[in-house]
Amino acid sequence: MSQSGLWYKLYMFPDLDPVLHAPARLQMVVLLERVDGDRTLTFPQLQQLTGATAGNLSTHLRRLEEVGYVAVTKTYDDRTPVTRAWLTAAGHRALEEYRQRMREHLDGQYARRLLEEGRI
């Protein structure tokens, strides 16, 4: 295996969920997890908490919704549109799996497993 291939396997985290591994989406999912239950976050709240632009936030929310990690509703409060988002059961599972895999990377389990399997 080339040095660049080894570097990729050890440090680019190819086994992590690429949807969650994007920093902006990971931040959104963690925020939504923290307000879980009967609560949701509105688009302006998410925008304020993440510091994302409206376009960037919209794009990332759409991607999270496409894979089923986040649910979004659009309603009206009087005549003002209100977009609300919350973490789905699939989103909870994906985040827990992401945490577990990241722990494996941080404590060296992933590298040991690759060595044991002869993949590096």
N, C-alpha and C. Protein backbone atom coordinates (compact mmCIF):
# COMPACT_ATOMS: atom_id res chain seq x y z
N MET A 1 0.85 -1.18 0.00
CA MET A 1 0.00 0.00 0.00
C MET A 1 0.89 1.23 0.00
N SER A 2 0.51 2.20 -0.80
CA SER A 2 1.28 3.44 -0.86
C SER A 2 1.11 4.23 0.43
N GLN A 3 2.04 5.13 0.66
CA GLN A 3 1.96 5.98 1.85
C GLN A 3 0.69 6.82 1.83
N SER A 4 0.31 7.33 0.65
CA SER A 4 -0.89 8.15 0.58
C SER A 4 -2.14 7.31 0.86
N GLY A 5 -2.16 6.04 0.40
CA GLY A 5 -3.29 5.16 0.69
C GLY A 5 -3.40 4.85 2.17
N LEU A 6 -2.26 4.63 2.82
CA LEU A 6 -2.25 4.39 4.26
C LEU A 6 -2.73 5.62 5.01
N TRP A 7 -2.23 6.78 4.60
CA TRP A 7 -2.64 8.03 5.24
C TRP A 7 -4.15 8.20 5.13
N TYR A 8 -4.70 7.92 3.95
CA TYR A 8 -6.14 8.06 3.75
C TYR A 8 -6.91 7.14 4.69
N LYS A 9 -6.52 5.88 4.77
CA LYS A 9 -7.23 4.93 5.62
C LYS A 9 -7.20 5.33 7.08
N LEU A 10 -6.08 5.88 7.53
CA LEU A 10 -5.94 6.20 8.95
C LEU A 10 -6.48 7.57 9.32
N TYR A 11 -6.40 8.53 8.44
CA TYR A 11 -6.69 9.90 8.86
C TYR A 11 -7.85 10.58 8.15
N MET A 12 -8.34 10.04 7.08
CA MET A 12 -9.45 10.68 6.37
C MET A 12 -10.80 10.10 6.80
N PHE A 13 -10.79 9.15 7.69
CA PHE A 13 -12.01 8.58 8.25
C PHE A 13 -13.00 8.10 7.19
N PRO A 14 -12.57 7.20 6.30
CA PRO A 14 -13.46 6.76 5.23
C PRO A 14 -14.67 5.97 5.72
N ASP A 15 -14.62 5.48 6.96
CA ASP A 15 -15.75 4.70 7.49
C ASP A 15 -16.80 5.56 8.18
N LEU A 16 -16.56 6.87 8.28
CA LEU A 16 -17.53 7.75 8.91
C LEU A 16 -18.59 8.19 7.91
N ASP A 17 -19.79 8.37 8.40
CA ASP A 17 -20.91 8.80 7.57
C ASP A 17 -20.57 10.15 6.93
N PRO A 18 -20.44 10.21 5.60
CA PRO A 18 -20.05 11.47 4.96
C PRO A 18 -21.09 12.58 5.10
N VAL A 19 -22.34 12.21 5.29
CA VAL A 19 -23.37 13.23 5.49
C VAL A 19 -23.15 13.94 6.82
N LEU A 20 -22.86 13.18 7.88
CA LEU A 20 -22.64 13.77 9.19
C LEU A 20 -21.24 14.34 9.36
N HIS A 21 -20.30 13.85 8.59
CA HIS A 21 -18.92 14.28 8.78
C HIS A 21 -18.68 15.72 8.31
N ALA A 22 -19.59 16.26 7.53
CA ALA A 22 -19.48 17.67 7.14
C ALA A 22 -19.72 18.52 8.39
N PRO A 23 -18.77 19.39 8.75
CA PRO A 23 -18.88 20.13 10.02
C PRO A 23 -20.20 20.86 10.23
N ALA A 24 -20.72 21.53 9.22
CA ALA A 24 -21.96 22.28 9.39
C ALA A 24 -23.13 21.35 9.69
N ARG A 25 -23.20 20.21 9.00
CA ARG A 25 -24.30 19.27 9.23
C ARG A 25 -24.16 18.59 10.59
N LEU A 26 -22.95 18.26 10.97
CA LEU A 26 -22.72 17.66 12.28
C LEU A 26 -23.16 18.63 13.38
N GLN A 27 -22.83 19.89 13.23
CA GLN A 27 -23.23 20.89 14.21
C GLN A 27 -24.75 20.97 14.30
N MET A 28 -25.44 20.98 13.18
CA MET A 28 -26.89 21.05 13.17
C MET A 28 -27.52 19.84 13.85
N VAL A 29 -27.02 18.67 13.55
CA VAL A 29 -27.58 17.44 14.12
C VAL A 29 -27.37 17.41 15.64
N VAL A 30 -26.20 17.82 16.09
CA VAL A 30 -25.94 17.85 17.53
C VAL A 30 -26.86 18.86 18.22
N LEU A 31 -27.04 20.02 17.61
CA LEU A 31 -27.96 21.01 18.18
C LEU A 31 -29.39 20.47 18.25
N LEU A 32 -29.83 19.83 17.19
CA LEU A 32 -31.19 19.28 17.17
C LEU A 32 -31.34 18.14 18.18
N GLU A 33 -30.29 17.38 18.40
CA GLU A 33 -30.34 16.32 19.40
C GLU A 33 -30.53 16.92 20.80
N ARG A 34 -29.90 18.03 21.05
CA ARG A 34 -29.95 18.65 22.39
C ARG A 34 -31.32 19.22 22.73
N VAL A 35 -32.11 19.56 21.75
CA VAL A 35 -33.45 20.11 22.02
C VAL A 35 -34.54 19.09 21.72
N ASP A 36 -34.15 17.83 21.67
CA ASP A 36 -35.09 16.78 21.27
C ASP A 36 -36.26 16.68 22.23
N GLY A 37 -37.19 15.86 21.89
CA GLY A 37 -38.41 15.70 22.65
C GLY A 37 -39.53 16.35 21.87
N ASP A 38 -40.28 17.18 22.53
CA ASP A 38 -41.36 17.88 21.85
C ASP A 38 -40.90 19.17 21.21
N ARG A 39 -39.62 19.50 21.37
CA ARG A 39 -39.13 20.78 20.88
C ARG A 39 -38.52 20.64 19.49
N THR A 40 -38.58 21.73 18.78
CA THR A 40 -37.94 21.83 17.48
C THR A 40 -37.12 23.10 17.49
N LEU A 41 -36.32 23.27 16.47
CA LEU A 41 -35.63 24.55 16.27
C LEU A 41 -36.16 25.16 14.99
N THR A 42 -36.38 26.45 15.03
CA THR A 42 -36.82 27.14 13.83
C THR A 42 -35.60 27.47 12.98
N PHE A 43 -35.87 27.79 11.74
CA PHE A 43 -34.79 28.14 10.81
C PHE A 43 -33.95 29.31 11.37
N PRO A 44 -34.58 30.40 11.83
CA PRO A 44 -33.77 31.49 12.38
C PRO A 44 -32.94 31.08 13.62
N GLN A 45 -33.50 30.20 14.44
CA GLN A 45 -32.74 29.73 15.60
C GLN A 45 -31.51 28.94 15.16
N LEU A 46 -31.71 28.03 14.22
CA LEU A 46 -30.57 27.27 13.70
C LEU A 46 -29.54 28.18 13.05
N GLN A 47 -30.02 29.16 12.33
CA GLN A 47 -29.12 30.10 11.67
C GLN A 47 -28.29 30.86 12.70
N GLN A 48 -28.94 31.31 13.75
CA GLN A 48 -28.23 32.05 14.80
C GLN A 48 -27.24 31.15 15.53
N LEU A 49 -27.64 29.93 15.87
CA LEU A 49 -26.78 29.02 16.62
C LEU A 49 -25.58 28.54 15.81
N THR A 50 -25.75 28.38 14.51
CA THR A 50 -24.66 27.86 13.67
C THR A 50 -23.84 28.96 13.02
N GLY A 51 -24.43 30.13 12.86
CA GLY A 51 -23.73 31.21 12.16
C GLY A 51 -23.73 31.02 10.65
N ALA A 52 -24.54 30.08 10.17
CA ALA A 52 -24.60 29.80 8.73
C ALA A 52 -25.45 30.84 8.02
N THR A 53 -25.15 31.04 6.76
CA THR A 53 -26.01 31.90 5.95
C THR A 53 -27.31 31.15 5.67
N ALA A 54 -28.32 31.86 5.27
CA ALA A 54 -29.61 31.24 4.99
C ALA A 54 -29.48 30.19 3.88
N GLY A 55 -28.76 30.51 2.83
CA GLY A 55 -28.58 29.57 1.73
C GLY A 55 -27.82 28.33 2.13
N ASN A 56 -26.75 28.51 2.90
CA ASN A 56 -25.94 27.39 3.36
C ASN A 56 -26.76 26.50 4.28
N LEU A 57 -27.46 27.10 5.22
CA LEU A 57 -28.29 26.34 6.16
C LEU A 57 -29.37 25.56 5.42
N SER A 58 -30.01 26.20 4.47
CA SER A 58 -31.06 25.56 3.69
C SER A 58 -30.52 24.35 2.94
N THR A 59 -29.36 24.49 2.33
CA THR A 59 -28.75 23.39 1.59
C THR A 59 -28.43 22.21 2.50
N HIS A 60 -27.83 22.49 3.65
CA HIS A 60 -27.47 21.42 4.58
C HIS A 60 -28.72 20.76 5.19
N LEU A 61 -29.71 21.55 5.53
CA LEU A 61 -30.95 20.97 6.05
C LEU A 61 -31.61 20.06 5.01
N ARG A 62 -31.60 20.49 3.78
CA ARG A 62 -32.19 19.69 2.70
C ARG A 62 -31.47 18.34 2.58
N ARG A 63 -30.16 18.37 2.67
CA ARG A 63 -29.38 17.12 2.57
C ARG A 63 -29.69 16.19 3.74
N LEU A 64 -29.77 16.75 4.95
CA LEU A 64 -30.10 15.95 6.12
C LEU A 64 -31.51 15.38 6.01
N GLU A 65 -32.41 16.15 5.43
CA GLU A 65 -33.78 15.68 5.24
C GLU A 65 -33.83 14.58 4.18
N GLU A 66 -33.05 14.71 3.11
CA GLU A 66 -33.02 13.71 2.03
C GLU A 66 -32.63 12.33 2.54
N VAL A 67 -31.68 12.27 3.49
CA VAL A 67 -31.24 10.98 4.01
C VAL A 67 -32.07 10.53 5.21
N GLY A 68 -33.03 11.35 5.62
CA GLY A 68 -33.94 10.96 6.69
C GLY A 68 -33.46 11.23 8.09
N TYR A 69 -32.41 12.03 8.25
CA TYR A 69 -31.87 12.32 9.58
C TYR A 69 -32.64 13.45 10.27
N VAL A 70 -33.24 14.31 9.48
CA VAL A 70 -33.95 15.48 10.00
C VAL A 70 -35.31 15.55 9.31
N ALA A 71 -36.31 15.97 10.06
CA ALA A 71 -37.62 16.25 9.48
C ALA A 71 -37.84 17.75 9.55
N VAL A 72 -38.49 18.28 8.53
CA VAL A 72 -38.71 19.72 8.44
C VAL A 72 -40.18 19.95 8.12
N THR A 73 -40.79 20.90 8.81
CA THR A 73 -42.15 21.33 8.47
C THR A 73 -42.12 22.81 8.18
N LYS A 74 -43.00 23.20 7.30
CA LYS A 74 -43.15 24.62 6.95
C LYS A 74 -44.61 24.98 7.21
N THR A 75 -44.80 25.90 8.14
CA THR A 75 -46.15 26.33 8.50
C THR A 75 -46.18 27.86 8.48
N TYR A 76 -47.29 28.39 8.92
CA TYR A 76 -47.43 29.85 9.00
C TYR A 76 -47.86 30.24 10.40
N ASP A 77 -47.29 31.31 10.91
CA ASP A 77 -47.71 31.92 12.15
C ASP A 77 -48.29 33.27 11.75
N ASP A 78 -49.60 33.36 11.77
CA ASP A 78 -50.30 34.46 11.11
C ASP A 78 -49.96 34.35 9.63
N ARG A 79 -49.29 35.33 9.09
CA ARG A 79 -48.91 35.25 7.66
C ARG A 79 -47.41 35.09 7.48
N THR A 80 -46.72 34.82 8.57
CA THR A 80 -45.27 34.67 8.52
C THR A 80 -44.90 33.19 8.39
N PRO A 81 -44.13 32.83 7.37
CA PRO A 81 -43.72 31.43 7.24
C PRO A 81 -42.75 31.03 8.36
N VAL A 82 -42.95 29.82 8.89
CA VAL A 82 -42.10 29.30 9.95
C VAL A 82 -41.63 27.91 9.54
N THR A 83 -40.32 27.74 9.47
CA THR A 83 -39.73 26.44 9.17
C THR A 83 -39.17 25.87 10.45
N ARG A 84 -39.58 24.65 10.77
CA ARG A 84 -39.11 23.98 11.99
C ARG A 84 -38.42 22.67 11.60
N ALA A 85 -37.39 22.32 12.37
CA ALA A 85 -36.64 21.09 12.11
C ALA A 85 -36.46 20.32 13.40
N TRP A 86 -36.41 19.00 13.29
CA TRP A 86 -36.12 18.15 14.43
C TRP A 86 -35.40 16.90 13.95
N LEU A 87 -34.72 16.24 14.87
CA LEU A 87 -33.96 15.04 14.58
C LEU A 87 -34.89 13.83 14.58
N THR A 88 -34.80 13.00 13.56
CA THR A 88 -35.62 11.79 13.47
C THR A 88 -34.95 10.64 14.20
N ALA A 89 -35.65 9.53 14.32
CA ALA A 89 -35.07 8.33 14.93
C ALA A 89 -33.84 7.88 14.13
N ALA A 90 -33.93 7.95 12.81
CA ALA A 90 -32.78 7.58 11.97
C ALA A 90 -31.61 8.53 12.23
N GLY A 91 -31.90 9.80 12.46
CA GLY A 91 -30.87 10.77 12.77
C GLY A 91 -30.18 10.46 14.09
N HIS A 92 -30.98 10.05 15.08
CA HIS A 92 -30.40 9.66 16.38
C HIS A 92 -29.46 8.47 16.21
N ARG A 93 -29.92 7.46 15.46
CA ARG A 93 -29.10 6.26 15.25
C ARG A 93 -27.81 6.62 14.50
N ALA A 94 -27.93 7.44 13.48
CA ALA A 94 -26.75 7.81 12.68
C ALA A 94 -25.75 8.59 13.54
N LEU A 95 -26.24 9.47 14.39
CA LEU A 95 -25.34 10.25 15.24
C LEU A 95 -24.65 9.35 16.25
N GLU A 96 -25.37 8.41 16.82
CA GLU A 96 -24.74 7.49 17.78
C GLU A 96 -23.68 6.63 17.10
N GLU A 97 -23.99 6.14 15.91
CA GLU A 97 -23.01 5.35 15.14
C GLU A 97 -21.78 6.21 14.81
N TYR A 98 -22.00 7.45 14.45
CA TYR A 98 -20.90 8.37 14.15
C TYR A 98 -20.02 8.55 15.39
N ARG A 99 -20.66 8.77 16.53
CA ARG A 99 -19.89 8.94 17.78
C ARG A 99 -19.05 7.71 18.08
N GLN A 100 -19.66 6.53 17.93
CA GLN A 100 -18.94 5.29 18.21
C GLN A 100 -17.74 5.13 17.29
N ARG A 101 -17.93 5.37 16.02
CA ARG A 101 -16.81 5.24 15.07
C ARG A 101 -15.73 6.28 15.33
N MET A 102 -16.13 7.48 15.69
CA MET A 102 -15.14 8.52 15.99
C MET A 102 -14.34 8.14 17.23
N ARG A 103 -15.02 7.58 18.24
CA ARG A 103 -14.30 7.09 19.44
C ARG A 103 -13.26 6.05 19.05
N GLU A 104 -13.64 5.15 18.14
CA GLU A 104 -12.70 4.12 17.69
C GLU A 104 -11.47 4.74 17.04
N HIS A 105 -11.67 5.80 16.28
CA HIS A 105 -10.53 6.49 15.67
C HIS A 105 -9.67 7.14 16.73
N LEU A 106 -10.30 7.81 17.67
CA LEU A 106 -9.56 8.57 18.67
C LEU A 106 -8.77 7.69 19.62
N ASP A 107 -9.28 6.51 19.92
CA ASP A 107 -8.54 5.65 20.85
C ASP A 107 -7.68 4.60 20.15
N GLY A 108 -7.62 4.65 18.82
CA GLY A 108 -6.73 3.76 18.07
C GLY A 108 -7.32 2.42 17.69
N GLN A 109 -8.57 2.16 18.06
CA GLN A 109 -9.18 0.87 17.73
C GLN A 109 -9.28 0.65 16.23
N TYR A 110 -9.59 1.70 15.49
CA TYR A 110 -9.74 1.57 14.04
C TYR A 110 -8.43 1.14 13.40
N ALA A 111 -7.33 1.79 13.77
CA ALA A 111 -6.01 1.44 13.22
C ALA A 111 -5.63 0.01 13.60
N ARG A 112 -5.89 -0.38 14.85
CA ARG A 112 -5.59 -1.75 15.28
C ARG A 112 -6.39 -2.76 14.47
N ARG A 113 -7.66 -2.46 14.22
CA ARG A 113 -8.50 -3.37 13.44
C ARG A 113 -7.96 -3.51 12.01
N LEU A 114 -7.55 -2.40 11.41
CA LEU A 114 -6.97 -2.48 10.06
C LEU A 114 -5.70 -3.33 10.05
N LEU A 115 -4.89 -3.18 11.08
CA LEU A 115 -3.66 -3.98 11.18
C LEU A 115 -4.01 -5.48 11.32
N GLU A 116 -4.94 -5.78 12.22
CA GLU A 116 -5.33 -7.18 12.45
C GLU A 116 -5.92 -7.81 11.22
N GLU A 117 -6.65 -7.03 10.43
CA GLU A 117 -7.26 -7.57 9.22
C GLU A 117 -6.30 -7.58 8.03
N GLY A 118 -5.08 -7.09 8.24
CA GLY A 118 -4.09 -7.07 7.18
C GLY A 118 -4.37 -6.04 6.10
N ARG A 119 -5.17 -5.04 6.43
CA ARG A 119 -5.52 -4.03 5.43
C ARG A 119 -4.50 -2.91 5.39
N ILE A 120 -3.61 -2.88 6.35
CA ILE A 120 -2.47 -1.92 6.31
C ILE A 120 -1.23 -2.64 6.76
